């Protein structure tokens, strides 16, 4: 029964992730991107300290030599990615944000081919082309020629850069193969990220970092559910089901986000969202489905980072 219900781990994680995208949109123009990133890290570190601080302290002699690497990882995944996501939310839709985020597995595999010298596959190349075409159709609102005339909303390229930074995080995590994993790794990354974000938080104007009835629920969701509960569920799912089967659930992120955006934000879902976003997600799925290498080496397997 336990294994039969294991799919609930990644499924609920993706639902929480889609909620986090909605929270990003709700935070736009309400609280500064640097401020909510700092507050969510502060809350996440506080919550994780209740069960990770003592084991991490006991393991400090293993952790300390890798502090610089934890700082880089924390900056990429918890500072840069999150801050860009909140900034992008000011000028793009929640659905677009979810589609770009769902590209992370494809970008991770593509970067692995260059950085880790993994062999490119038919699915990676074909899926990449299909995803690119889908994204162009999506961000142009169904009129690719409009990109040449009007350009794109700033939030869309910001989300692509955010997804790319998370892909770099995944590649570095795999390349370094740190001896500290699981909660202790996440905890140390969060502490480093919190320290890095502190100057940016202080530089944020006071009105954009105030705590009130409007911002506190957003911070609670981002720092508690999205930063602690979500990783726990995802890691459990990867442990039981494997990274490839869990990665497939990423394709549901735009679906759940679009549903949430309709109900909570009143965002309409247009035909170009379905066509362009669908094509982009099919491209991501191609990475896992067509794993035959372009040249005679072992196939590359798609992964999703924790």
C-alpha atoms as a PDB file:
ATOM      1  CA  UNK A   1       0.000   0.000   0.000  1.00  0.00           C
ATOM      2  CA  UNK A   2       2.857   2.353   0.868  1.00  0.00           C
ATOM      3  CA  UNK A   3       4.457   2.030  -2.564  1.00  0.00           C
ATOM      4  CA  UNK A   4       1.085   2.284  -4.295  1.00  0.00           C
ATOM      5  CA  UNK A   5       0.482   5.642  -2.651  1.00  0.00           C
ATOM      6  CA  UNK A   6       4.059   6.850  -3.187  1.00  0.00           C
ATOM      7  CA  UNK A   7       2.937   8.921  -6.196  1.00  0.00           C
ATOM      8  CA  UNK A   8       1.236  11.244  -3.695  1.00  0.00           C
ATOM      9  CA  UNK A   9       4.638  12.528  -2.572  1.00  0.00           C
ATOM     10  CA  UNK A  10       5.612  14.190  -5.885  1.00  0.00           C
ATOM     11  CA  UNK A  11       1.976  15.006  -6.703  1.00  0.00           C
ATOM     12  CA  UNK A  12       1.392  16.971  -3.489  1.00  0.00           C
ATOM     13  CA  UNK A  13       4.851  18.538  -3.878  1.00  0.00           C
ATOM     14  CA  UNK A  14       3.907  19.841  -7.328  1.00  0.00           C
ATOM     15  CA  UNK A  15       0.582  21.148  -5.986  1.00  0.00           C
ATOM     16  CA  UNK A  16       2.501  23.043  -3.285  1.00  0.00           C
ATOM     17  CA  UNK A  17       4.943  24.279  -5.936  1.00  0.00           C
ATOM     18  CA  UNK A  18       2.073  25.613  -8.045  1.00  0.00           C
ATOM     19  CA  UNK A  19       0.783  27.352  -4.921  1.00  0.00           C
ATOM     20  CA  UNK A  20       4.194  28.946  -4.536  1.00  0.00           C
ATOM     21  CA  UNK A  21       3.910  30.376  -8.050  1.00  0.00           C
ATOM     22  CA  UNK A  22       0.525  31.845  -7.117  1.00  0.00           C
ATOM     23  CA  UNK A  23       2.104  33.322  -3.980  1.00  0.00           C
ATOM     24  CA  UNK A  24       4.785  34.910  -6.153  1.00  0.00           C
ATOM     25  CA  UNK A  25       2.105  36.637  -8.215  1.00  0.00           C
ATOM     26  CA  UNK A  26       0.224  37.732  -5.098  1.00  0.00           C
ATOM     27  CA  UNK A  27       3.433  39.207  -3.670  1.00  0.00           C
ATOM     28  CA  UNK A  28       4.052  41.401  -6.744  1.00  0.00           C
ATOM     29  CA  UNK A  29       3.822  45.086  -5.822  1.00  0.00           C
ATOM     30  CA  UNK A  30       3.038  44.048  -2.224  1.00  0.00           C
ATOM     31  CA  UNK A  31       6.470  43.191  -0.856  1.00  0.00           C
ATOM     32  CA  UNK A  32       9.914  43.551  -2.402  1.00  0.00           C
ATOM     33  CA  UNK A  33      11.456  40.466  -4.089  1.00  0.00           C
ATOM     34  CA  UNK A  34      14.530  40.661  -1.866  1.00  0.00           C
ATOM     35  CA  UNK A  35      12.408  41.070   1.263  1.00  0.00           C
ATOM     36  CA  UNK A  36      10.139  38.072   0.727  1.00  0.00           C
ATOM     37  CA  UNK A  37      13.148  35.975  -0.285  1.00  0.00           C
ATOM     38  CA  UNK A  38      14.901  36.959   2.960  1.00  0.00           C
ATOM     39  CA  UNK A  39      11.828  36.378   5.129  1.00  0.00           C
ATOM     40  CA  UNK A  40      11.087  32.963   3.616  1.00  0.00           C
ATOM     41  CA  UNK A  41      14.707  31.918   4.226  1.00  0.00           C
ATOM     42  CA  UNK A  42      14.554  33.187   7.800  1.00  0.00           C
ATOM     43  CA  UNK A  43      11.413  31.164   8.481  1.00  0.00           C
ATOM     44  CA  UNK A  44      12.757  28.072   6.695  1.00  0.00           C
ATOM     45  CA  UNK A  45      16.023  28.156   8.663  1.00  0.00           C
ATOM     46  CA  UNK A  46      14.096  28.576  11.918  1.00  0.00           C
ATOM     47  CA  UNK A  47      11.831  25.599  11.153  1.00  0.00           C
ATOM     48  CA  UNK A  48      14.665  23.355   9.959  1.00  0.00           C
ATOM     49  CA  UNK A  49      16.766  24.273  12.991  1.00  0.00           C
ATOM     50  CA  UNK A  50      14.310  22.408  15.214  1.00  0.00           C
ATOM     51  CA  UNK A  51      15.381  19.066  13.737  1.00  0.00           C
ATOM     52  CA  UNK A  52      18.565  19.692  11.715  1.00  0.00           C
ATOM     53  CA  UNK A  53      20.695  22.055  13.807  1.00  0.00           C
ATOM     54  CA  UNK A  54      21.963  19.427  16.286  1.00  0.00           C
ATOM     55  CA  UNK A  55      22.827  16.752  13.653  1.00  0.00           C
ATOM     56  CA  UNK A  56      24.489  19.442  11.503  1.00  0.00           C
ATOM     57  CA  UNK A  57      26.568  20.648  14.451  1.00  0.00           C
ATOM     58  CA  UNK A  58      27.699  17.106  15.172  1.00  0.00           C
ATOM     59  CA  UNK A  59      28.681  16.798  11.513  1.00  0.00           C
ATOM     60  CA  UNK A  60      30.405  20.213  11.398  1.00  0.00           C
ATOM     61  CA  UNK A  61      33.868  18.866  10.640  1.00  0.00           C
ATOM     62  CA  UNK A  62      32.518  17.307   7.433  1.00  0.00           C
ATOM     63  CA  UNK A  63      30.389  20.333   6.566  1.00  0.00           C
ATOM     64  CA  UNK A  64      32.957  23.088   7.132  1.00  0.00           C
ATOM     65  CA  UNK A  65      35.355  22.279   4.219  1.00  0.00           C
ATOM     66  CA  UNK A  66      32.430  22.576   1.794  1.00  0.00           C
ATOM     67  CA  UNK A  67      31.001  25.838   3.117  1.00  0.00           C
ATOM     68  CA  UNK A  68      31.949  27.722  -0.058  1.00  0.00           C
ATOM     69  CA  UNK A  69      30.123  25.194  -2.204  1.00  0.00           C
ATOM     70  CA  UNK A  70      27.036  25.415   0.007  1.00  0.00           C
ATOM     71  CA  UNK A  71      27.160  29.192  -0.400  1.00  0.00           C
ATOM     72  CA  UNK A  72      27.230  28.922  -4.201  1.00  0.00           C
ATOM     73  CA  UNK A  73      24.397  26.386  -4.226  1.00  0.00           C
ATOM     74  CA  UNK A  74      22.334  28.430  -1.796  1.00  0.00           C
ATOM     75  CA  UNK A  75      22.842  31.578  -3.857  1.00  0.00           C
ATOM     76  CA  UNK A  76      21.735  29.901  -7.090  1.00  0.00           C
ATOM     77  CA  UNK A  77      18.668  28.033  -5.808  1.00  0.00           C
ATOM     78  CA  UNK A  78      17.491  30.101  -2.854  1.00  0.00           C
ATOM     79  CA  UNK A  79      18.630  33.664  -3.606  1.00  0.00           C
ATOM     80  CA  UNK A  80      18.942  34.179  -7.345  1.00  0.00           C
ATOM     81  CA  UNK A  81      16.174  31.812  -8.491  1.00  0.00           C
ATOM     82  CA  UNK A  82      13.671  32.976  -5.878  1.00  0.00           C
ATOM     83  CA  UNK A  83      14.405  36.695  -6.233  1.00  0.00           C
ATOM     84  CA  UNK A  84      14.137  36.542 -10.017  1.00  0.00           C
ATOM     85  CA  UNK A  85      10.877  34.611  -9.730  1.00  0.00           C
ATOM     86  CA  UNK A  86       9.355  37.261  -7.470  1.00  0.00           C
ATOM     87  CA  UNK A  87      10.626  40.022  -9.767  1.00  0.00           C
ATOM     88  CA  UNK A  88       9.285  38.253 -12.865  1.00  0.00           C
ATOM     89  CA  UNK A  89       5.879  37.908 -11.208  1.00  0.00           C
ATOM     90  CA  UNK A  90       5.423  41.664 -11.561  1.00  0.00           C
ATOM     91  CA  UNK A  91       5.279  41.518 -15.368  1.00  0.00           C
ATOM     92  CA  UNK A  92       4.206  38.022 -16.440  1.00  0.00           C
ATOM     93  CA  UNK A  93       1.430  35.550 -15.670  1.00  0.00           C
ATOM     94  CA  UNK A  94       1.511  32.676 -13.206  1.00  0.00           C
ATOM     95  CA  UNK A  95       0.940  30.221 -16.078  1.00  0.00           C
ATOM     96  CA  UNK A  96       3.973  31.519 -17.978  1.00  0.00           C
ATOM     97  CA  UNK A  97       6.068  31.314 -14.812  1.00  0.00           C
ATOM     98  CA  UNK A  98       5.074  27.691 -14.297  1.00  0.00           C
ATOM     99  CA  UNK A  99       5.901  26.732 -17.891  1.00  0.00           C
ATOM    100  CA  UNK A 100       9.375  28.241 -17.637  1.00  0.00           C
ATOM    101  CA  UNK A 101       9.956  26.552 -14.277  1.00  0.00           C
ATOM    102  CA  UNK A 102       8.888  23.210 -15.743  1.00  0.00           C
ATOM    103  CA  UNK A 103      11.720  23.551 -18.285  1.00  0.00           C
ATOM    104  CA  UNK A 104      14.283  23.040 -15.514  1.00  0.00           C
ATOM    105  CA  UNK A 105      14.760  19.267 -16.129  1.00  0.00           C
ATOM    106  CA  UNK A 106      15.400  19.894 -19.838  1.00  0.00           C
ATOM    107  CA  UNK A 107      17.859  22.694 -19.099  1.00  0.00           C
ATOM    108  CA  UNK A 108      19.602  20.530 -16.489  1.00  0.00           C
ATOM    109  CA  UNK A 109      20.071  17.716 -18.985  1.00  0.00           C
ATOM    110  CA  UNK A 110      21.295  20.142 -21.665  1.00  0.00           C
ATOM    111  CA  UNK A 111      23.842  21.720 -19.320  1.00  0.00           C
ATOM    112  CA  UNK A 112      24.991  18.275 -18.185  1.00  0.00           C
ATOM    113  CA  UNK A 113      25.901  17.500 -21.786  1.00  0.00           C
ATOM    114  CA  UNK A 114      28.308  20.451 -21.808  1.00  0.00           C
ATOM    115  CA  UNK A 115      29.585  20.574 -18.231  1.00  0.00           C
ATOM    116  CA  UNK A 116      29.576  16.895 -17.252  1.00  0.00           C
ATOM    117  CA  UNK A 117      30.251  15.633 -20.783  1.00  0.00           C
ATOM    118  CA  UNK A 118      27.104  13.527 -20.759  1.00  0.00           C
ATOM    119  CA  UNK A 119      26.130  12.260 -24.176  1.00  0.00           C
ATOM    120  CA  UNK A 120      23.352  14.265 -25.874  1.00  0.00           C
ATOM    121  CA  UNK A 121      20.295  12.208 -26.730  1.00  0.00           C
ATOM    122  CA  UNK A 122      17.715  12.317 -29.480  1.00  0.00           C
ATOM    123  CA  UNK A 123      15.117  13.393 -26.924  1.00  0.00           C
ATOM    124  CA  UNK A 124      17.274  16.219 -25.615  1.00  0.00           C
ATOM    125  CA  UNK A 125      17.880  17.733 -29.047  1.00  0.00           C
ATOM    126  CA  UNK A 126      14.403  17.160 -30.453  1.00  0.00           C
ATOM    127  CA  UNK A 127      12.706  18.084 -27.187  1.00  0.00           C
ATOM    128  CA  UNK A 128      14.806  21.217 -26.917  1.00  0.00           C
ATOM    129  CA  UNK A 129      13.760  22.410 -30.364  1.00  0.00           C
ATOM    130  CA  UNK A 130      10.094  21.650 -29.641  1.00  0.00           C
ATOM    131  CA  UNK A 131      10.219  23.403 -26.260  1.00  0.00           C
ATOM    132  CA  UNK A 132      11.860  26.462 -27.817  1.00  0.00           C
ATOM    133  CA  UNK A 133       9.148  26.656 -30.462  1.00  0.00           C
ATOM    134  CA  UNK A 134       6.477  26.295 -27.787  1.00  0.00           C
ATOM    135  CA  UNK A 135       8.006  29.049 -25.672  1.00  0.00           C
ATOM    136  CA  UNK A 136       8.165  31.416 -28.628  1.00  0.00           C
ATOM    137  CA  UNK A 137       4.492  30.759 -29.329  1.00  0.00           C
ATOM    138  CA  UNK A 138       3.650  31.204 -25.637  1.00  0.00           C
ATOM    139  CA  UNK A 139       5.483  34.468 -24.943  1.00  0.00           C
ATOM    140  CA  UNK A 140       4.304  35.968 -28.257  1.00  0.00           C
ATOM    141  CA  UNK A 141       0.667  35.251 -27.313  1.00  0.00           C
ATOM    142  CA  UNK A 142       0.233  33.107 -30.419  1.00  0.00           C
ATOM    143  CA  UNK A 143       1.810  35.619 -32.804  1.00  0.00           C
ATOM    144  CA  UNK A 144       5.556  34.955 -33.175  1.00  0.00           C
ATOM    145  CA  UNK A 145       5.924  37.909 -35.534  1.00  0.00           C
ATOM    146  CA  UNK A 146       4.864  40.149 -32.651  1.00  0.00           C
ATOM    147  CA  UNK A 147       8.166  39.435 -30.904  1.00  0.00           C
ATOM    148  CA  UNK A 148      10.006  41.360 -33.605  1.00  0.00           C
ATOM    149  CA  UNK A 149       7.534  44.232 -33.331  1.00  0.00           C
ATOM    150  CA  UNK A 150       6.890  44.498 -29.610  1.00  0.00           C
ATOM    151  CA  UNK A 151       9.484  42.369 -27.854  1.00  0.00           C
ATOM    152  CA  UNK A 152       8.536  40.339 -24.758  1.00  0.00           C
ATOM    153  CA  UNK A 153       7.380  41.109 -21.247  1.00  0.00           C
ATOM    154  CA  UNK A 154      10.397  41.435 -18.946  1.00  0.00           C
ATOM    155  CA  UNK A 155       9.073  38.695 -16.683  1.00  0.00           C
ATOM    156  CA  UNK A 156       9.408  35.976 -19.329  1.00  0.00           C
ATOM    157  CA  UNK A 157      13.189  36.273 -19.923  1.00  0.00           C
ATOM    158  CA  UNK A 158      13.658  36.730 -16.175  1.00  0.00           C
ATOM    159  CA  UNK A 159      11.888  33.409 -15.571  1.00  0.00           C
ATOM    160  CA  UNK A 160      14.040  31.724 -18.210  1.00  0.00           C
ATOM    161  CA  UNK A 161      17.174  33.008 -16.471  1.00  0.00           C
ATOM    162  CA  UNK A 162      15.739  31.810 -13.143  1.00  0.00           C
ATOM    163  CA  UNK A 163      15.094  28.328 -14.548  1.00  0.00           C
ATOM    164  CA  UNK A 164      18.597  28.302 -16.042  1.00  0.00           C
ATOM    165  CA  UNK A 165      20.117  29.213 -12.679  1.00  0.00           C
ATOM    166  CA  UNK A 166      18.261  26.307 -11.047  1.00  0.00           C
ATOM    167  CA  UNK A 167      19.543  24.010 -13.781  1.00  0.00           C
ATOM    168  CA  UNK A 168      23.107  25.180 -13.039  1.00  0.00           C
ATOM    169  CA  UNK A 169      22.382  24.385  -9.385  1.00  0.00           C
ATOM    170  CA  UNK A 170      21.372  20.842 -10.340  1.00  0.00           C
ATOM    171  CA  UNK A 171      24.486  20.300 -12.451  1.00  0.00           C
ATOM    172  CA  UNK A 172      26.810  21.575  -9.713  1.00  0.00           C
ATOM    173  CA  UNK A 173      25.042  19.447  -7.120  1.00  0.00           C
ATOM    174  CA  UNK A 174      25.679  16.394  -9.291  1.00  0.00           C
ATOM    175  CA  UNK A 175      29.246  17.346 -10.206  1.00  0.00           C
ATOM    176  CA  UNK A 176      30.414  18.118  -6.674  1.00  0.00           C
ATOM    177  CA  UNK A 177      28.677  15.104  -5.103  1.00  0.00           C
ATOM    178  CA  UNK A 178      29.065  16.563  -1.619  1.00  0.00           C
ATOM    179  CA  UNK A 179      29.436  14.162   1.328  1.00  0.00           C
ATOM    180  CA  UNK A 180      26.622  16.044   3.090  1.00  0.00           C
ATOM    181  CA  UNK A 181      23.195  15.332   1.649  1.00  0.00           C
ATOM    182  CA  UNK A 182      19.522  15.542   2.518  1.00  0.00           C
ATOM    183  CA  UNK A 183      18.314  17.953   5.161  1.00  0.00           C
ATOM    184  CA  UNK A 184      21.780  18.960   6.344  1.00  0.00           C
ATOM    185  CA  UNK A 185      22.709  20.045   2.821  1.00  0.00           C
ATOM    186  CA  UNK A 186      19.471  22.014   2.408  1.00  0.00           C
ATOM    187  CA  UNK A 187      19.927  23.556   5.852  1.00  0.00           C
ATOM    188  CA  UNK A 188      23.456  24.758   5.160  1.00  0.00           C
ATOM    189  CA  UNK A 189      22.446  26.140   1.774  1.00  0.00           C
ATOM    190  CA  UNK A 190      19.573  28.031   3.416  1.00  0.00           C
ATOM    191  CA  UNK A 191      21.847  29.508   6.114  1.00  0.00           C
ATOM    192  CA  UNK A 192      24.354  30.675   3.492  1.00  0.00           C
ATOM    193  CA  UNK A 193      21.557  32.088   1.348  1.00  0.00           C
ATOM    194  CA  UNK A 194      20.123  33.940   4.354  1.00  0.00           C
ATOM    195  CA  UNK A 195      23.490  35.614   5.007  1.00  0.00           C
ATOM    196  CA  UNK A 196      23.867  36.524   1.325  1.00  0.00           C
ATOM    197  CA  UNK A 197      20.368  38.036   1.151  1.00  0.00           C
ATOM    198  CA  UNK A 198      20.759  40.164   4.290  1.00  0.00           C
ATOM    199  CA  UNK A 199      22.455  43.179   2.602  1.00  0.00           C
ATOM    200  CA  UNK A 200      19.840  43.166  -0.176  1.00  0.00           C
ATOM    201  CA  UNK A 201      17.116  43.026   2.467  1.00  0.00           C
ATOM    202  CA  UNK A 202      18.563  46.055   4.264  1.00  0.00           C
ATOM    203  CA  UNK A 203      18.746  47.936   0.954  1.00  0.00           C
ATOM    204  CA  UNK A 204      15.042  47.337   0.300  1.00  0.00           C
ATOM    205  CA  UNK A 205      12.889  50.413   1.073  1.00  0.00           C
ATOM    206  CA  UNK A 206      11.053  50.063   4.393  1.00  0.00           C
ATOM    207  CA  UNK A 207       7.530  50.049   2.852  1.00  0.00           C
ATOM    208  CA  UNK A 208       8.514  47.061   0.673  1.00  0.00           C
ATOM    209  CA  UNK A 209       9.737  44.966   3.602  1.00  0.00           C
ATOM    210  CA  UNK A 210       7.018  45.639   6.129  1.00  0.00           C
ATOM    211  CA  UNK A 211       5.216  42.767   7.816  1.00  0.00           C
ATOM    212  CA  UNK A 212       1.441  43.058   7.851  1.00  0.00           C
ATOM    213  CA  UNK A 213      -1.754  41.062   7.404  1.00  0.00           C
ATOM    214  CA  UNK A 214      -1.200  41.002   3.643  1.00  0.00           C
ATOM    215  CA  UNK A 215       2.418  39.845   3.576  1.00  0.00           C
ATOM    216  CA  UNK A 216       2.566  37.459   6.540  1.00  0.00           C
ATOM    217  CA  UNK A 217       0.435  34.684   4.954  1.00  0.00           C
ATOM    218  CA  UNK A 218       2.577  34.857   1.792  1.00  0.00           C
ATOM    219  CA  UNK A 219       5.775  34.524   3.827  1.00  0.00           C
ATOM    220  CA  UNK A 220       4.296  31.675   5.886  1.00  0.00           C
ATOM    221  CA  UNK A 221       3.436  29.702   2.755  1.00  0.00           C
ATOM    222  CA  UNK A 222       6.761  30.401   1.028  1.00  0.00           C
ATOM    223  CA  UNK A 223       8.919  29.765   4.088  1.00  0.00           C
ATOM    224  CA  UNK A 224       6.974  26.858   5.577  1.00  0.00           C
ATOM    225  CA  UNK A 225       5.089  24.845   2.976  1.00  0.00           C
ATOM    226  CA  UNK A 226       7.219  25.694  -0.074  1.00  0.00           C
ATOM    227  CA  UNK A 227      10.649  25.679   1.609  1.00  0.00           C
ATOM    228  CA  UNK A 228      10.299  22.830   4.132  1.00  0.00           C
ATOM    229  CA  UNK A 229       7.284  20.602   3.430  1.00  0.00           C
ATOM    230  CA  UNK A 230       7.684  20.625  -0.363  1.00  0.00           C
ATOM    231  CA  UNK A 231      11.369  19.490  -0.349  1.00  0.00           C
ATOM    232  CA  UNK A 232      10.540  16.755   2.159  1.00  0.00           C
ATOM    233  CA  UNK A 233       7.756  15.374  -0.050  1.00  0.00           C
ATOM    234  CA  UNK A 234       9.847  15.618  -3.205  1.00  0.00           C
ATOM    235  CA  UNK A 235      12.883  13.891  -1.708  1.00  0.00           C
ATOM    236  CA  UNK A 236      10.665  11.124  -0.322  1.00  0.00           C
ATOM    237  CA  UNK A 237       9.135  10.667  -3.768  1.00  0.00           C
ATOM    238  CA  UNK A 238      12.539  10.513  -5.447  1.00  0.00           C
ATOM    239  CA  UNK A 239      13.715   7.987  -2.845  1.00  0.00           C
ATOM    240  CA  UNK A 240      10.766   5.649  -3.480  1.00  0.00           C
ATOM    241  CA  UNK A 241       9.933   6.237  -7.154  1.00  0.00           C
ATOM    242  CA  UNK A 242      13.264   7.375  -8.574  1.00  0.00           C
ATOM    243  CA  UNK A 243      14.205  10.731 -10.172  1.00  0.00           C
ATOM    244  CA  UNK A 244      12.887   9.950 -13.651  1.00  0.00           C
ATOM    245  CA  UNK A 245       9.347   9.055 -12.580  1.00  0.00           C
ATOM    246  CA  UNK A 246       9.205  12.081 -10.292  1.00  0.00           C
ATOM    247  CA  UNK A 247      10.482  14.373 -13.048  1.00  0.00           C
ATOM    248  CA  UNK A 248       7.401  13.504 -15.095  1.00  0.00           C
ATOM    249  CA  UNK A 249       5.259  15.225 -12.463  1.00  0.00           C
ATOM    250  CA  UNK A 250       6.899  18.545 -13.382  1.00  0.00           C
ATOM    251  CA  UNK A 251       4.651  18.602 -16.440  1.00  0.00           C
ATOM    252  CA  UNK A 252       1.682  19.029 -14.108  1.00  0.00           C
ATOM    253  CA  UNK A 253       3.064  22.259 -12.640  1.00  0.00           C
ATOM    254  CA  UNK A 254       1.603  24.560 -15.321  1.00  0.00           C
ATOM    255  CA  UNK A 255      -1.727  22.706 -15.156  1.00  0.00           C
ATOM    256  CA  UNK A 256      -2.186  23.154 -11.412  1.00  0.00           C
ATOM    257  CA  UNK A 257      -0.822  26.704 -11.593  1.00  0.00           C
ATOM    258  CA  UNK A 258      -3.252  27.654 -14.362  1.00  0.00           C
ATOM    259  CA  UNK A 259      -6.161  26.279 -12.327  1.00  0.00           C
ATOM    260  CA  UNK A 260      -5.008  28.223  -9.289  1.00  0.00           C
ATOM    261  CA  UNK A 261      -4.504  31.379 -11.338  1.00  0.00           C
ATOM    262  CA  UNK A 262      -8.065  31.147 -12.701  1.00  0.00           C
ATOM    263  CA  UNK A 263      -9.596  30.762  -9.246  1.00  0.00           C
ATOM    264  CA  UNK A 264      -7.382  33.039  -7.141  1.00  0.00           C
ATOM    265  CA  UNK A 265      -5.996  35.599  -9.587  1.00  0.00           C
ATOM    266  CA  UNK A 266      -8.665  35.738 -12.258  1.00  0.00           C
ATOM    267  CA  UNK A 267      -6.064  35.097 -14.947  1.00  0.00           C
ATOM    268  CA  UNK A 268      -7.625  33.778 -18.166  1.00  0.00           C
ATOM    269  CA  UNK A 269      -6.102  30.779 -19.918  1.00  0.00           C
ATOM    270  CA  UNK A 270      -5.897  31.432 -23.651  1.00  0.00           C
ATOM    271  CA  UNK A 271      -5.413  29.054 -26.553  1.00  0.00           C
ATOM    272  CA  UNK A 272      -1.773  30.097 -26.872  1.00  0.00           C
ATOM    273  CA  UNK A 273      -1.185  29.024 -23.261  1.00  0.00           C
ATOM    274  CA  UNK A 274      -2.445  25.546 -24.089  1.00  0.00           C
ATOM    275  CA  UNK A 275      -0.669  25.251 -27.462  1.00  0.00           C
ATOM    276  CA  UNK A 276       2.631  26.932 -26.608  1.00  0.00           C
ATOM    277  CA  UNK A 277       2.851  25.625 -23.048  1.00  0.00           C
ATOM    278  CA  UNK A 278       1.779  22.168 -24.170  1.00  0.00           C
ATOM    279  CA  UNK A 279       4.466  22.044 -26.859  1.00  0.00           C
ATOM    280  CA  UNK A 280       7.099  23.159 -24.358  1.00  0.00           C
ATOM    281  CA  UNK A 281       6.067  20.440 -21.904  1.00  0.00           C
ATOM    282  CA  UNK A 282       5.972  17.757 -24.587  1.00  0.00           C
ATOM    283  CA  UNK A 283       9.541  18.772 -25.388  1.00  0.00           C
ATOM    284  CA  UNK A 284      10.491  18.245 -21.741  1.00  0.00           C
ATOM    285  CA  UNK A 285       8.800  14.818 -21.777  1.00  0.00           C
ATOM    286  CA  UNK A 286      10.783  13.853 -24.893  1.00  0.00           C
ATOM    287  CA  UNK A 287      13.989  13.955 -22.839  1.00  0.00           C
ATOM    288  CA  UNK A 288      12.810  11.016 -20.741  1.00  0.00           C
ATOM    289  CA  UNK A 289      11.039   9.140 -23.528  1.00  0.00           C
ATOM    290  CA  UNK A 290      13.722   9.194 -26.233  1.00  0.00           C
ATOM    291  CA  UNK A 291      16.993   8.411 -24.524  1.00  0.00           C
ATOM    292  CA  UNK A 292      18.928   6.975 -27.439  1.00  0.00           C
ATOM    293  CA  UNK A 293      22.291   8.798 -27.566  1.00  0.00           C
ATOM    294  CA  UNK A 294      23.296  10.700 -30.676  1.00  0.00           C
ATOM    295  CA  UNK A 295      26.541   8.787 -30.647  1.00  0.00           C
ATOM    296  CA  UNK A 296      27.446   5.421 -29.221  1.00  0.00           C
ATOM    297  CA  UNK A 297      27.557   5.964 -25.475  1.00  0.00           C
ATOM    298  CA  UNK A 298      25.257   5.064 -22.627  1.00  0.00           C
ATOM    299  CA  UNK A 299      21.945   6.915 -22.659  1.00  0.00           C
ATOM    300  CA  UNK A 300      21.471  10.028 -20.601  1.00  0.00           C
ATOM    301  CA  UNK A 301      18.736   9.796 -18.016  1.00  0.00           C
ATOM    302  CA  UNK A 302      16.706  12.854 -17.124  1.00  0.00           C
ATOM    303  CA  UNK A 303      16.840  13.931 -13.488  1.00  0.00           C
ATOM    304  CA  UNK A 304      15.197  16.543 -11.343  1.00  0.00           C
ATOM    305  CA  UNK A 305      17.220  18.085  -8.579  1.00  0.00           C
ATOM    306  CA  UNK A 306      15.955  18.196  -5.034  1.00  0.00           C
END
